[in-house]
Amino acid sequence: MGLKEDMMEMGFGEFRTIRACRAVQYSSMERAIAWLENHEGDADLDDPIEESGGNVLGSAADPSQPLPSTEEMVAVERTPEEIAAKAAAVQAKLAERRRAVEEKDKQDAILKEKIRRKEGQSLAEMKEKLEADAMKKLAEERKKQKLADQQAKKEILEKIKQDKANRSAAKNKPAEQAPAPAPAAVPAAPPKDYDECRLQLRLPTGQPIVNSFKAEDTLGDVVAFIRDTSSELQEFSLMTSFPRKVYQASDFGFSLKSLGLCPSSVLIVSLSKN
């Protein structure tokens, strides 16, 4: 038998055997088997191919390569036991090679999975950091708002305290000094010029709304602001508690500054009775 027949008898497929024999120019079985081991992963290894008229790729034979001699093409006669032993050795070697490839693929898959998990962990940590930063920013904004409300409340309490002190002083003032212009001349001096007026508006629900207006804004501007802020409030009246004063529609054209509401005051919003 020839080299091709020996290899096919050992269990190798016909088309891969033809390719191997052509590649080594039918020189020896060992070289043909070695070529198969090196090309085990070729996708076209078992594609159909004609035995004559071409090289391993199916094209014309390379004329620069010497053709094998007749002696090289004739295989050495082997006993059935030798053929079986050789076939078993080759198949074992090929199986070992396949196991090595499978083990490498397995290790590559494990490495890819580790990389995927690490990238997923990094994304989770980044998301957690962004959420923590957002919560921190929200807490800071709430703290600033709380401080601003506390400052406004403090200013209102101080104004109320000052109003009480002024009324008490006026009440306890001796009658003979009542017409004296000297003490009254102090407030008649040019007052401090305020550009802004900070108002705390207490809604009928008890909810306070703090907003800054220009000193030259009118009381009508405040009414419009309340209606824009609370759409359910359309008919209402405004009043101060200390001293108590209920503002009429005729007051809406006066500036906050001329009404004495600067720099800060508390206005109570009451629902109008039908």
C-alpha atoms as a PDB file:
ATOM      1  CA  MET A   1       0.000   0.000   0.000  1.00  0.00           C
ATOM      2  CA  GLY A   2       0.990   3.645  -0.475  1.00  0.00           C
ATOM      3  CA  LEU A   3       1.353   6.399   2.123  1.00  0.00           C
ATOM      4  CA  LYS A   4      -2.200   7.595   1.581  1.00  0.00           C
ATOM      5  CA  GLU A   5      -3.686   4.122   2.062  1.00  0.00           C
ATOM      6  CA  ASP A   6      -1.591   3.513   5.190  1.00  0.00           C
ATOM      7  CA  MET A   7      -2.790   6.759   6.777  1.00  0.00           C
ATOM      8  CA  MET A   8      -6.417   6.130   5.872  1.00  0.00           C
ATOM      9  CA  GLU A   9      -6.143   2.640   7.347  1.00  0.00           C
ATOM     10  CA  MET A  10      -4.885   4.287  10.549  1.00  0.00           C
ATOM     11  CA  GLY A  11      -8.127   6.256  10.732  1.00  0.00           C
ATOM     12  CA  PHE A  12      -7.308   9.568   9.041  1.00  0.00           C
ATOM     13  CA  GLY A  13      -9.938  11.086   6.726  1.00  0.00           C
ATOM     14  CA  GLU A  14      -9.409  10.896   2.994  1.00  0.00           C
ATOM     15  CA  PHE A  15      -9.218  14.595   2.170  1.00  0.00           C
ATOM     16  CA  ARG A  16      -6.967  15.594   5.063  1.00  0.00           C
ATOM     17  CA  THR A  17      -4.744  12.635   4.180  1.00  0.00           C
ATOM     18  CA  ILE A  18      -4.429  13.846   0.553  1.00  0.00           C
ATOM     19  CA  ARG A  19      -3.503  17.331   1.760  1.00  0.00           C
ATOM     20  CA  ALA A  20      -0.911  15.984   4.185  1.00  0.00           C
ATOM     21  CA  CYS A  21       0.675  13.702   1.589  1.00  0.00           C
ATOM     22  CA  ARG A  22       0.943  16.493  -0.969  1.00  0.00           C
ATOM     23  CA  ALA A  23       2.363  18.892   1.602  1.00  0.00           C
ATOM     24  CA  VAL A  24       5.258  16.573   2.424  1.00  0.00           C
ATOM     25  CA  GLN A  25       5.463  15.271  -1.177  1.00  0.00           C
ATOM     26  CA  TYR A  26       4.810  11.702   0.008  1.00  0.00           C
ATOM     27  CA  SER A  27       8.191  11.721   1.759  1.00  0.00           C
ATOM     28  CA  SER A  28       7.246   9.905   4.985  1.00  0.00           C
ATOM     29  CA  MET A  29       4.330   9.104   7.241  1.00  0.00           C
ATOM     30  CA  GLU A  30       6.001  10.851  10.181  1.00  0.00           C
ATOM     31  CA  ARG A  31       6.232  14.142   8.274  1.00  0.00           C
ATOM     32  CA  ALA A  32       2.651  13.768   7.005  1.00  0.00           C
ATOM     33  CA  ILE A  33       1.348  13.160  10.529  1.00  0.00           C
ATOM     34  CA  ALA A  34       3.405  16.097  11.851  1.00  0.00           C
ATOM     35  CA  TRP A  35       1.858  18.304   9.157  1.00  0.00           C
ATOM     36  CA  LEU A  36      -1.632  17.198  10.249  1.00  0.00           C
ATOM     37  CA  GLU A  37      -0.828  18.019  13.870  1.00  0.00           C
ATOM     38  CA  ASN A  38       0.236  21.539  12.882  1.00  0.00           C
ATOM     39  CA  HIS A  39      -2.849  22.072  10.697  1.00  0.00           C
ATOM     40  CA  GLU A  40      -5.442  20.430  12.950  1.00  0.00           C
ATOM     41  CA  GLY A  41      -7.286  23.730  13.329  1.00  0.00           C
ATOM     42  CA  ASP A  42      -7.591  24.514   9.585  1.00  0.00           C
ATOM     43  CA  ALA A  43     -11.235  25.077   8.681  1.00  0.00           C
ATOM     44  CA  ASP A  44     -10.876  23.505   5.200  1.00  0.00           C
ATOM     45  CA  LEU A  45      -8.831  20.504   6.300  1.00  0.00           C
ATOM     46  CA  ASP A  46     -11.628  18.052   5.413  1.00  0.00           C
ATOM     47  CA  ASP A  47     -13.049  19.909   2.404  1.00  0.00           C
ATOM     48  CA  PRO A  48     -13.289  17.763  -0.755  1.00  0.00           C
ATOM     49  CA  ILE A  49     -10.199  17.816  -2.969  1.00  0.00           C
ATOM     50  CA  GLU A  50      -9.057  15.799  -5.980  1.00  0.00           C
ATOM     51  CA  GLU A  51      -6.123  13.533  -5.384  1.00  0.00           C
ATOM     52  CA  SER A  52      -4.316  14.407  -8.647  1.00  0.00           C
ATOM     53  CA  GLY A  53      -3.601  17.632 -10.487  1.00  0.00           C
ATOM     54  CA  GLY A  54      -2.949  20.049  -7.602  1.00  0.00           C
ATOM     55  CA  ASN A  55      -1.079  20.855  -4.443  1.00  0.00           C
ATOM     56  CA  VAL A  56      -2.461  21.082  -0.912  1.00  0.00           C
ATOM     57  CA  LEU A  57      -4.475  24.203  -1.731  1.00  0.00           C
ATOM     58  CA  GLY A  58      -6.041  22.631  -4.839  1.00  0.00           C
ATOM     59  CA  SER A  59      -4.093  24.716  -7.373  1.00  0.00           C
ATOM     60  CA  ALA A  60      -1.481  23.541  -9.846  1.00  0.00           C
ATOM     61  CA  ALA A  61       1.600  21.915  -8.352  1.00  0.00           C
ATOM     62  CA  ASP A  62       4.570  24.170  -7.747  1.00  0.00           C
ATOM     63  CA  PRO A  63       7.068  23.374 -10.560  1.00  0.00           C
ATOM     64  CA  SER A  64       9.954  24.612  -8.407  1.00  0.00           C
ATOM     65  CA  GLN A  65       9.425  21.715  -5.977  1.00  0.00           C
ATOM     66  CA  PRO A  66      11.003  18.350  -7.016  1.00  0.00           C
ATOM     67  CA  LEU A  67       8.541  15.565  -7.554  1.00  0.00           C
ATOM     68  CA  PRO A  68       8.842  12.596  -5.167  1.00  0.00           C
ATOM     69  CA  SER A  69      10.558   9.544  -6.507  1.00  0.00           C
ATOM     70  CA  THR A  70       8.808   6.259  -7.050  1.00  0.00           C
ATOM     71  CA  GLU A  71      10.657   4.784  -4.080  1.00  0.00           C
ATOM     72  CA  GLU A  72       9.431   7.612  -1.812  1.00  0.00           C
ATOM     73  CA  MET A  73       5.854   7.025  -2.930  1.00  0.00           C
ATOM     74  CA  VAL A  74       5.964   3.363  -2.020  1.00  0.00           C
ATOM     75  CA  ALA A  75       5.285   2.819   1.664  1.00  0.00           C
ATOM     76  CA  VAL A  76       7.189   0.338   3.745  1.00  0.00           C
ATOM     77  CA  GLU A  77       5.196  -2.774   4.404  1.00  0.00           C
ATOM     78  CA  ARG A  78       3.970  -2.909   8.016  1.00  0.00           C
ATOM     79  CA  THR A  79       2.373  -5.615  10.003  1.00  0.00           C
ATOM     80  CA  PRO A  80      -1.221  -5.077  11.247  1.00  0.00           C
ATOM     81  CA  GLU A  81       0.138  -4.793  14.785  1.00  0.00           C
ATOM     82  CA  GLU A  82       2.578  -2.036  13.762  1.00  0.00           C
ATOM     83  CA  ILE A  83      -0.131  -0.132  11.916  1.00  0.00           C
ATOM     84  CA  ALA A  84      -2.506  -0.381  14.898  1.00  0.00           C
ATOM     85  CA  ALA A  85       0.193   0.743  17.350  1.00  0.00           C
ATOM     86  CA  LYS A  86       1.183   3.658  15.130  1.00  0.00           C
ATOM     87  CA  ALA A  87      -2.432   4.687  14.669  1.00  0.00           C
ATOM     88  CA  ALA A  88      -3.048   4.528  18.416  1.00  0.00           C
ATOM     89  CA  ALA A  89       0.037   6.650  19.117  1.00  0.00           C
ATOM     90  CA  VAL A  90      -0.954   9.252  16.539  1.00  0.00           C
ATOM     91  CA  GLN A  91      -4.549   9.410  17.722  1.00  0.00           C
ATOM     92  CA  ALA A  92      -3.379   9.758  21.338  1.00  0.00           C
ATOM     93  CA  LYS A  93      -1.068  12.581  20.347  1.00  0.00           C
ATOM     94  CA  LEU A  94      -3.842  14.336  18.458  1.00  0.00           C
ATOM     95  CA  ALA A  95      -6.220  13.856  21.393  1.00  0.00           C
ATOM     96  CA  GLU A  96      -3.625  15.357  23.739  1.00  0.00           C
ATOM     97  CA  ARG A  97      -3.252  18.306  21.396  1.00  0.00           C
ATOM     98  CA  ARG A  98      -7.035  18.813  21.360  1.00  0.00           C
ATOM     99  CA  ARG A  99      -7.131  18.651  25.150  1.00  0.00           C
ATOM    100  CA  ALA A 100      -4.427  21.321  25.330  1.00  0.00           C
ATOM    101  CA  VAL A 101      -6.423  23.559  22.969  1.00  0.00           C
ATOM    102  CA  GLU A 102      -9.610  22.995  24.997  1.00  0.00           C
ATOM    103  CA  GLU A 103      -7.778  23.774  28.253  1.00  0.00           C
ATOM    104  CA  LYS A 104      -6.408  26.985  26.760  1.00  0.00           C
ATOM    105  CA  ASP A 105      -9.902  27.971  25.585  1.00  0.00           C
ATOM    106  CA  LYS A 106     -11.217  27.245  29.072  1.00  0.00           C
ATOM    107  CA  GLN A 107      -8.552  29.414  30.712  1.00  0.00           C
ATOM    108  CA  ASP A 108      -9.245  32.201  28.209  1.00  0.00           C
ATOM    109  CA  ALA A 109     -12.951  32.023  29.055  1.00  0.00           C
ATOM    110  CA  ILE A 110     -12.188  32.227  32.782  1.00  0.00           C
ATOM    111  CA  LEU A 111      -9.936  35.251  32.209  1.00  0.00           C
ATOM    112  CA  LYS A 112     -12.605  36.995  30.123  1.00  0.00           C
ATOM    113  CA  GLU A 113     -15.188  36.361  32.854  1.00  0.00           C
ATOM    114  CA  LYS A 114     -12.870  37.853  35.502  1.00  0.00           C
ATOM    115  CA  ILE A 115     -12.334  40.955  33.340  1.00  0.00           C
ATOM    116  CA  ARG A 116     -16.105  41.278  32.800  1.00  0.00           C
ATOM    117  CA  ARG A 117     -16.831  41.035  36.526  1.00  0.00           C
ATOM    118  CA  LYS A 118     -14.127  43.567  37.352  1.00  0.00           C
ATOM    119  CA  GLU A 119     -15.521  46.037  34.814  1.00  0.00           C
ATOM    120  CA  GLY A 120     -19.022  45.499  36.225  1.00  0.00           C
ATOM    121  CA  GLN A 121     -17.740  46.146  39.753  1.00  0.00           C
ATOM    122  CA  SER A 122     -16.053  49.356  38.602  1.00  0.00           C
ATOM    123  CA  LEU A 123     -19.302  50.585  37.036  1.00  0.00           C
ATOM    124  CA  ALA A 124     -21.222  49.777  40.222  1.00  0.00           C
ATOM    125  CA  GLU A 125     -18.685  51.674  42.347  1.00  0.00           C
ATOM    126  CA  MET A 126     -18.882  54.685  39.990  1.00  0.00           C
ATOM    127  CA  LYS A 127     -22.691  54.681  40.182  1.00  0.00           C
ATOM    128  CA  GLU A 128     -22.585  54.466  43.983  1.00  0.00           C
ATOM    129  CA  LYS A 129     -20.176  57.423  44.142  1.00  0.00           C
ATOM    130  CA  LEU A 130     -22.402  59.554  41.889  1.00  0.00           C
ATOM    131  CA  GLU A 131     -25.431  58.785  44.075  1.00  0.00           C
ATOM    132  CA  ALA A 132     -23.472  59.652  47.229  1.00  0.00           C
ATOM    133  CA  ASP A 133     -22.343  62.974  45.716  1.00  0.00           C
ATOM    134  CA  ALA A 134     -25.922  63.811  44.733  1.00  0.00           C
ATOM    135  CA  MET A 135     -27.173  63.082  48.266  1.00  0.00           C
ATOM    136  CA  LYS A 136     -24.394  65.209  49.758  1.00  0.00           C
ATOM    137  CA  LYS A 137     -25.242  68.130  47.463  1.00  0.00           C
ATOM    138  CA  LEU A 138     -28.942  67.854  48.364  1.00  0.00           C
ATOM    139  CA  ALA A 139     -28.104  67.857  52.085  1.00  0.00           C
ATOM    140  CA  GLU A 140     -25.967  70.990  51.670  1.00  0.00           C
ATOM    141  CA  GLU A 141     -28.763  72.803  49.812  1.00  0.00           C
ATOM    142  CA  ARG A 142     -31.270  71.897  52.535  1.00  0.00           C
ATOM    143  CA  LYS A 143     -28.852  73.125  55.188  1.00  0.00           C
ATOM    144  CA  LYS A 144     -28.447  76.472  53.396  1.00  0.00           C
ATOM    145  CA  GLN A 145     -32.229  76.853  53.094  1.00  0.00           C
ATOM    146  CA  LYS A 146     -32.662  76.066  56.785  1.00  0.00           C
ATOM    147  CA  LEU A 147     -30.083  78.691  57.759  1.00  0.00           C
ATOM    148  CA  ALA A 148     -31.788  81.264  55.534  1.00  0.00           C
ATOM    149  CA  ASP A 149     -35.181  80.522  57.149  1.00  0.00           C
ATOM    150  CA  GLN A 150     -33.661  80.794  60.613  1.00  0.00           C
ATOM    151  CA  GLN A 151     -32.103  84.163  59.735  1.00  0.00           C
ATOM    152  CA  ALA A 152     -35.414  85.467  58.392  1.00  0.00           C
ATOM    153  CA  LYS A 153     -37.224  84.290  61.536  1.00  0.00           C
ATOM    154  CA  LYS A 154     -34.586  85.962  63.702  1.00  0.00           C
ATOM    155  CA  GLU A 155     -35.011  89.263  61.857  1.00  0.00           C
ATOM    156  CA  ILE A 156     -38.786  89.090  62.234  1.00  0.00           C
ATOM    157  CA  LEU A 157     -38.544  88.379  65.962  1.00  0.00           C
ATOM    158  CA  GLU A 158     -36.123  91.265  66.403  1.00  0.00           C
ATOM    159  CA  LYS A 159     -38.513  93.599  64.579  1.00  0.00           C
ATOM    160  CA  ILE A 160     -41.417  92.446  66.755  1.00  0.00           C
ATOM    161  CA  LYS A 161     -39.303  92.971  69.860  1.00  0.00           C
ATOM    162  CA  GLN A 162     -38.334  96.452  68.703  1.00  0.00           C
ATOM    163  CA  ASP A 163     -41.944  97.333  67.942  1.00  0.00           C
ATOM    164  CA  LYS A 164     -42.984  96.243  71.450  1.00  0.00           C
ATOM    165  CA  ALA A 165     -40.174  98.290  72.978  1.00  0.00           C
ATOM    166  CA  ASN A 166     -41.204 101.365  70.977  1.00  0.00           C
ATOM    167  CA  ARG A 167     -44.843 101.032  72.053  1.00  0.00           C
ATOM    168  CA  SER A 168     -43.855 100.528  75.679  1.00  0.00           C
ATOM    169  CA  ALA A 169     -41.594 103.593  75.578  1.00  0.00           C
ATOM    170  CA  ALA A 170     -44.327 105.693  74.008  1.00  0.00           C
ATOM    171  CA  LYS A 171     -46.855 104.528  76.605  1.00  0.00           C
ATOM    172  CA  ASN A 172     -44.598 105.239  79.607  1.00  0.00           C
ATOM    173  CA  LYS A 173     -43.394 108.582  78.294  1.00  0.00           C
ATOM    174  CA  PRO A 174     -44.355 111.544  80.610  1.00  0.00           C
ATOM    175  CA  ALA A 175     -47.250 113.656  79.319  1.00  0.00           C
ATOM    176  CA  GLU A 176     -45.335 116.922  79.564  1.00  0.00           C
ATOM    177  CA  GLN A 177     -42.718 115.562  77.235  1.00  0.00           C
ATOM    178  CA  ALA A 178     -45.232 114.326  74.691  1.00  0.00           C
ATOM    179  CA  PRO A 179     -45.197 117.472  72.576  1.00  0.00           C
ATOM    180  CA  ALA A 180     -41.439 117.768  72.804  1.00  0.00           C
ATOM    181  CA  PRO A 181     -40.058 117.356  69.291  1.00  0.00           C
ATOM    182  CA  ALA A 182     -36.579 116.300  70.317  1.00  0.00           C
ATOM    183  CA  PRO A 183     -37.166 112.521  70.721  1.00  0.00           C
ATOM    184  CA  ALA A 184     -39.460 112.442  67.696  1.00  0.00           C
ATOM    185  CA  ALA A 185     -36.904 114.208  65.559  1.00  0.00           C
ATOM    186  CA  VAL A 186     -34.668 111.118  65.471  1.00  0.00           C
ATOM    187  CA  PRO A 187     -36.994 109.026  63.261  1.00  0.00           C
ATOM    188  CA  ALA A 188     -37.685 112.146  61.197  1.00  0.00           C
ATOM    189  CA  ALA A 189     -34.035 112.139  60.103  1.00  0.00           C
ATOM    190  CA  PRO A 190     -33.360 110.735  56.645  1.00  0.00           C
ATOM    191  CA  PRO A 191     -34.078 107.003  57.024  1.00  0.00           C
ATOM    192  CA  LYS A 192     -31.755 104.346  55.772  1.00  0.00           C
ATOM    193  CA  ASP A 193     -32.329 103.757  52.109  1.00  0.00           C
ATOM    194  CA  TYR A 194     -33.239 100.094  51.596  1.00  0.00           C
ATOM    195  CA  ASP A 195     -33.152  98.626  48.116  1.00  0.00           C
ATOM    196  CA  GLU A 196     -34.866  95.351  49.010  1.00  0.00           C
ATOM    197  CA  CYS A 197     -37.743  94.231  51.188  1.00  0.00           C
ATOM    198  CA  ARG A 198     -37.817  90.693  52.582  1.00  0.00           C
ATOM    199  CA  LEU A 199     -41.356  89.538  53.322  1.00  0.00           C
ATOM    200  CA  GLN A 200     -42.596  86.435  55.088  1.00  0.00           C
ATOM    201  CA  LEU A 201     -46.080  85.620  53.810  1.00  0.00           C
ATOM    202  CA  ARG A 202     -48.118  83.396  56.115  1.00  0.00           C
ATOM    203  CA  LEU A 203     -50.750  81.561  54.086  1.00  0.00           C
ATOM    204  CA  PRO A 204     -54.126  80.511  55.550  1.00  0.00           C
ATOM    205  CA  THR A 205     -52.744  76.963  55.828  1.00  0.00           C
ATOM    206  CA  GLY A 206     -49.994  78.206  58.137  1.00  0.00           C
ATOM    207  CA  GLN A 207     -47.295  77.613  55.527  1.00  0.00           C
ATOM    208  CA  PRO A 208     -44.770  80.473  55.363  1.00  0.00           C
ATOM    209  CA  ILE A 209     -43.397  81.760  52.071  1.00  0.00           C
ATOM    210  CA  VAL A 210     -40.294  83.966  52.199  1.00  0.00           C
ATOM    211  CA  ASN A 211     -39.482  86.157  49.208  1.00  0.00           C
ATOM    212  CA  SER A 212     -37.436  89.275  48.513  1.00  0.00           C
ATOM    213  CA  PHE A 213     -38.990  92.222  46.658  1.00  0.00           C
ATOM    214  CA  LYS A 214     -37.595  95.518  45.543  1.00  0.00           C
ATOM    215  CA  ALA A 215     -38.272  98.398  47.929  1.00  0.00           C
ATOM    216  CA  GLU A 216     -40.098 100.236  45.124  1.00  0.00           C
ATOM    217  CA  ASP A 217     -42.377  97.267  44.342  1.00  0.00           C
ATOM    218  CA  THR A 218     -45.990  97.958  45.239  1.00  0.00           C
ATOM    219  CA  LEU A 219     -48.269  96.041  47.539  1.00  0.00           C
ATOM    220  CA  GLY A 220     -50.131  95.067  44.367  1.00  0.00           C
ATOM    221  CA  ASP A 221     -46.971  93.265  43.185  1.00  0.00           C
ATOM    222  CA  VAL A 222     -47.054  91.210  46.383  1.00  0.00           C
ATOM    223  CA  VAL A 223     -50.712  90.317  45.756  1.00  0.00           C
ATOM    224  CA  ALA A 224     -49.861  89.192  42.216  1.00  0.00           C
ATOM    225  CA  PHE A 225     -46.952  87.096  43.549  1.00  0.00           C
ATOM    226  CA  ILE A 226     -49.262  85.312  46.028  1.00  0.00           C
ATOM    227  CA  ARG A 227     -51.788  84.526  43.298  1.00  0.00           C
ATOM    228  CA  ASP A 228     -49.071  83.181  40.997  1.00  0.00           C
ATOM    229  CA  THR A 229     -47.551  81.060  43.758  1.00  0.00           C
ATOM    230  CA  SER A 230     -50.843  79.653  45.134  1.00  0.00           C
ATOM    231  CA  SER A 231     -53.390  79.400  42.363  1.00  0.00           C
ATOM    232  CA  GLU A 232     -56.159  78.531  44.850  1.00  0.00           C
ATOM    233  CA  LEU A 233     -55.728  81.936  46.511  1.00  0.00           C
ATOM    234  CA  GLN A 234     -57.506  84.582  44.462  1.00  0.00           C
ATOM    235  CA  GLU A 235     -59.632  86.545  46.954  1.00  0.00           C
ATOM    236  CA  PHE A 236     -57.804  87.402  50.174  1.00  0.00           C
ATOM    237  CA  SER A 237     -56.693  90.279  52.369  1.00  0.00           C
ATOM    238  CA  LEU A 238     -53.296  91.264  53.779  1.00  0.00           C
ATOM    239  CA  MET A 239     -52.584  92.450  57.290  1.00  0.00           C
ATOM    240  CA  THR A 240     -49.787  92.913  59.801  1.00  0.00           C
ATOM    241  CA  SER A 241     -49.999  91.751  63.395  1.00  0.00           C
ATOM    242  CA  PHE A 242     -47.632  94.223  65.117  1.00  0.00           C
ATOM    243  CA  PRO A 243     -48.934  96.817  64.773  1.00  0.00           C
ATOM    244  CA  ARG A 244     -52.204  95.395  63.494  1.00  0.00           C
ATOM    245  CA  LYS A 245     -53.163  96.881  60.148  1.00  0.00           C
ATOM    246  CA  VAL A 246     -55.471  95.535  57.461  1.00  0.00           C
ATOM    247  CA  TYR A 247     -54.550  96.766  53.977  1.00  0.00           C
ATOM    248  CA  GLN A 248     -57.265  97.814  51.588  1.00  0.00           C
ATOM    249  CA  ALA A 249     -57.331  97.757  47.794  1.00  0.00           C
ATOM    250  CA  SER A 250     -56.510 101.454  47.878  1.00  0.00           C
ATOM    251  CA  ASP A 251     -53.129 100.584  49.415  1.00  0.00           C
ATOM    252  CA  PHE A 252     -52.098  98.311  46.527  1.00  0.00           C
ATOM    253  CA  GLY A 253     -50.614 101.207  44.573  1.00  0.00           C
ATOM    254  CA  PHE A 254     -48.188 102.233  47.328  1.00  0.00           C
ATOM    255  CA  SER A 255     -44.591 100.980  47.416  1.00  0.00           C
ATOM    256  CA  LEU A 256     -43.414  98.624  50.128  1.00  0.00           C
ATOM    257  CA  LYS A 257     -40.959 101.269  51.197  1.00  0.00           C
ATOM    258  CA  SER A 258     -43.650 103.944  51.650  1.00  0.00           C
ATOM    259  CA  LEU A 259     -45.798 101.484  53.632  1.00  0.00           C
ATOM    260  CA  GLY A 260     -42.951 100.964  56.100  1.00  0.00           C
ATOM    261  CA  LEU A 261     -42.498  97.266  55.305  1.00  0.00           C
ATOM    262  CA  CYS A 262     -38.740  97.530  54.603  1.00  0.00           C
ATOM    263  CA  PRO A 263     -36.302  95.979  55.279  1.00  0.00           C
ATOM    264  CA  SER A 264     -38.407  92.982  56.414  1.00  0.00           C
ATOM    265  CA  SER A 265     -41.934  92.319  57.600  1.00  0.00           C
ATOM    266  CA  VAL A 266     -44.525  89.629  58.146  1.00  0.00           C
ATOM    267  CA  LEU A 267     -47.772  89.764  56.187  1.00  0.00           C
ATOM    268  CA  ILE A 268     -50.681  87.512  57.125  1.00  0.00           C
ATOM    269  CA  VAL A 269     -52.784  86.252  54.200  1.00  0.00           C
ATOM    270  CA  SER A 270     -56.455  85.821  55.193  1.00  0.00           C
ATOM    271  CA  LEU A 271     -59.230  84.471  53.017  1.00  0.00           C
ATOM    272  CA  SER A 272     -61.873  87.075  52.190  1.00  0.00           C
ATOM    273  CA  LYS A 273     -65.297  86.363  53.647  1.00  0.00           C
ATOM    274  CA  ASN A 274     -68.155  86.363  51.139  1.00  0.00           C
END
